[in-house]
Amino acid sequence: MLQIFFGEMPEAIYNTEVYFQNVYEDEWITDDFAREVIRKVDKSEVLDKQAIQSPVFGIISPERLSGGTKTLLLMKNMPDQVFNASTCGDNCAPFILKLARERDLTINLYHLMNFGKRSFKAKILNDGVTVGNMEELLFEACKYV
């Protein structure tokens, strides 16, 4: 289930860019989830664990992936941590929901992320309310962002 905390959360890892640079492992880049995220979010293709083909930059290393992709990879591979999902664009929302369907996932947000028109389940940790769609999330998020 997705759990969201809006606003300052001391235990959350805020600077996901720097954190990723210091903890990621090569194997993170080549699994199916990473390949799909890199393809859909960064419009790039994984060639191997240290080479990604970007249509804009040519062949890049994982350190040059977008902030959203790095944050999603951290969420996938470090399930006991809470990450600042405001480093992600709305194009990352389907992947956040995918991870949350597989296991409990807590994220920290400083903005209202668009999770789309389909129903989903998320618990707002600020007040314990559970929402089931974007309209309900908007109502709750307005209290905190």
Protein backbone atom coordinates (compact mmCIF):
# COMPACT_ATOMS: atom_id res chain seq x y z
CA MET A 1 0.00 0.00 0.00
CA LEU A 2 1.19 3.52 -0.76
CA GLN A 3 1.74 5.74 2.26
CA ILE A 4 2.36 9.47 1.76
CA PHE A 5 3.68 12.04 4.18
CA PHE A 6 3.31 15.63 3.00
CA GLY A 7 5.90 18.21 4.07
CA GLU A 8 8.96 18.05 6.26
CA MET A 9 9.75 14.49 7.32
CA PRO A 10 13.06 14.28 9.21
CA GLU A 11 13.69 10.59 8.48
CA ALA A 12 13.13 10.96 4.71
CA ILE A 13 16.08 11.13 2.36
CA TYR A 14 15.63 14.51 0.75
CA ASN A 15 18.56 14.74 -1.70
CA THR A 16 18.01 11.57 -3.67
CA GLU A 17 20.50 12.61 -6.35
CA VAL A 18 23.48 12.59 -3.98
CA TYR A 19 22.21 9.56 -2.09
CA PHE A 20 21.91 7.55 -5.31
CA GLN A 21 25.47 8.44 -6.35
CA ASN A 22 26.76 6.97 -3.10
CA VAL A 23 24.69 3.79 -2.73
CA TYR A 24 23.50 2.42 -6.07
CA GLU A 25 24.78 -0.91 -7.29
CA ASP A 26 25.33 -1.89 -10.92
CA GLU A 27 22.74 -4.68 -10.69
CA TRP A 28 19.99 -2.12 -10.07
CA ILE A 29 20.26 -0.88 -13.64
CA THR A 30 19.72 -4.17 -15.46
CA ASP A 31 16.60 -5.64 -13.84
CA ASP A 32 13.26 -5.50 -15.67
CA PHE A 33 11.84 -2.73 -13.49
CA ALA A 34 14.87 -0.48 -14.07
CA ARG A 35 14.84 -1.11 -17.81
CA GLU A 36 11.16 -0.15 -18.01
CA VAL A 37 11.63 2.98 -15.87
CA ILE A 38 14.66 4.11 -17.88
CA ARG A 39 12.80 3.47 -21.15
CA LYS A 40 9.62 5.29 -20.16
CA VAL A 41 10.88 8.09 -17.89
CA ASP A 42 14.23 8.90 -19.50
CA LYS A 43 13.38 7.65 -23.02
CA SER A 44 16.64 5.70 -22.97
CA GLU A 45 17.75 2.08 -23.33
CA VAL A 46 19.95 0.10 -20.96
CA LEU A 47 22.89 -1.42 -22.86
CA ASP A 48 24.61 -2.88 -19.81
CA LYS A 49 25.13 -2.07 -16.13
CA GLN A 50 27.33 0.95 -16.90
CA ALA A 51 25.99 2.11 -20.29
CA ILE A 52 22.64 3.65 -21.17
CA GLN A 53 21.79 4.90 -24.65
CA SER A 54 20.16 8.34 -24.37
CA PRO A 55 18.65 9.97 -27.48
CA VAL A 56 19.87 13.35 -26.19
CA PHE A 57 23.25 12.65 -24.58
CA GLY A 58 24.43 9.50 -26.36
CA ILE A 59 25.88 6.77 -24.14
CA ILE A 60 25.70 7.78 -20.50
CA SER A 61 26.47 6.20 -17.14
CA PRO A 62 23.77 5.57 -14.50
CA GLU A 63 24.96 8.70 -12.65
CA ARG A 64 23.48 10.80 -15.48
CA LEU A 65 19.96 9.40 -15.26
CA SER A 66 17.16 11.79 -14.34
CA GLY A 67 16.38 12.56 -10.71
CA GLY A 68 13.02 10.81 -11.00
CA THR A 69 14.55 7.62 -12.35
CA LYS A 70 17.19 7.61 -9.63
CA THR A 71 14.53 8.08 -6.95
CA LEU A 72 12.42 5.23 -8.35
CA LEU A 73 15.45 2.93 -8.37
CA LEU A 74 16.17 3.87 -4.77
CA MET A 75 12.54 3.13 -3.80
CA LYS A 76 12.73 -0.27 -5.49
CA ASN A 77 16.09 -1.31 -4.09
CA MET A 78 16.05 0.23 -0.62
CA PRO A 79 12.55 -0.61 0.65
CA ASP A 80 13.26 0.31 4.28
CA GLN A 81 14.04 3.95 3.44
CA VAL A 82 11.68 6.85 2.78
CA PHE A 83 12.56 9.03 -0.20
CA ASN A 84 11.54 12.50 -1.32
CA ALA A 85 9.26 11.72 -4.26
CA SER A 86 9.02 15.41 -5.15
CA THR A 87 12.21 14.79 -7.14
CA CYS A 88 9.96 12.78 -9.47
CA GLY A 89 7.73 14.13 -12.19
CA ASP A 90 4.19 12.90 -12.70
CA ASN A 91 5.57 10.42 -15.27
CA CYS A 92 7.00 8.51 -12.29
CA ALA A 93 3.61 8.13 -10.57
CA PRO A 94 2.64 4.86 -12.35
CA PHE A 95 5.89 3.28 -11.16
CA ILE A 96 5.32 4.45 -7.59
CA LEU A 97 1.87 2.84 -7.69
CA LYS A 98 3.37 -0.33 -9.18
CA LEU A 99 5.88 -0.60 -6.32
CA ALA A 100 3.12 0.10 -3.78
CA ARG A 101 1.00 -2.75 -5.19
CA GLU A 102 3.90 -5.13 -4.58
CA ARG A 103 4.71 -3.99 -1.02
CA ASP A 104 4.14 -1.17 1.44
CA LEU A 105 5.86 1.96 0.13
CA THR A 106 6.20 5.19 2.09
CA ILE A 107 7.08 8.36 0.20
CA ASN A 108 7.57 11.98 1.20
CA LEU A 109 5.97 14.69 -0.97
CA TYR A 110 6.22 18.46 -1.00
CA HIS A 111 3.71 18.83 -3.83
CA LEU A 112 0.59 17.13 -5.15
CA MET A 113 1.65 14.37 -7.50
CA ASN A 114 -0.80 13.36 -10.21
CA PHE A 115 -1.49 9.64 -9.84
CA GLY A 116 -3.95 9.63 -12.74
CA LYS A 117 -7.63 8.92 -13.21
CA ARG A 118 -7.71 5.32 -12.08
CA SER A 119 -8.50 4.41 -8.52
CA PHE A 120 -5.65 3.65 -6.15
CA LYS A 121 -5.26 3.32 -2.43
CA ALA A 122 -3.00 5.58 -0.38
CA LYS A 123 -2.80 6.37 3.30
CA ILE A 124 -1.94 9.96 4.23
CA LEU A 125 0.39 9.61 7.18
CA ASN A 126 -0.11 13.21 8.31
CA ASP A 127 -3.60 12.38 9.55
CA GLY A 128 -4.17 8.66 8.89
CA VAL A 129 -6.84 9.18 6.22
CA THR A 130 -6.96 6.64 3.37
CA VAL A 131 -7.82 7.93 -0.10
CA GLY A 132 -8.90 6.02 -3.18
CA ASN A 133 -8.49 8.46 -6.07
CA MET A 134 -7.03 11.81 -7.12
CA GLU A 135 -10.04 13.84 -6.01
CA GLU A 136 -9.75 12.50 -2.47
CA LEU A 137 -5.95 12.94 -2.53
CA LEU A 138 -6.34 16.56 -3.66
CA PHE A 139 -8.71 17.28 -0.77
CA GLU A 140 -6.24 15.82 1.74
CA ALA A 141 -3.08 17.27 0.17
CA CYS A 142 -4.50 20.81 0.28
CA LYS A 143 -4.18 20.68 4.05
CA TYR A 144 -0.42 20.17 3.87
CA VAL A 145 1.02 21.60 0.64
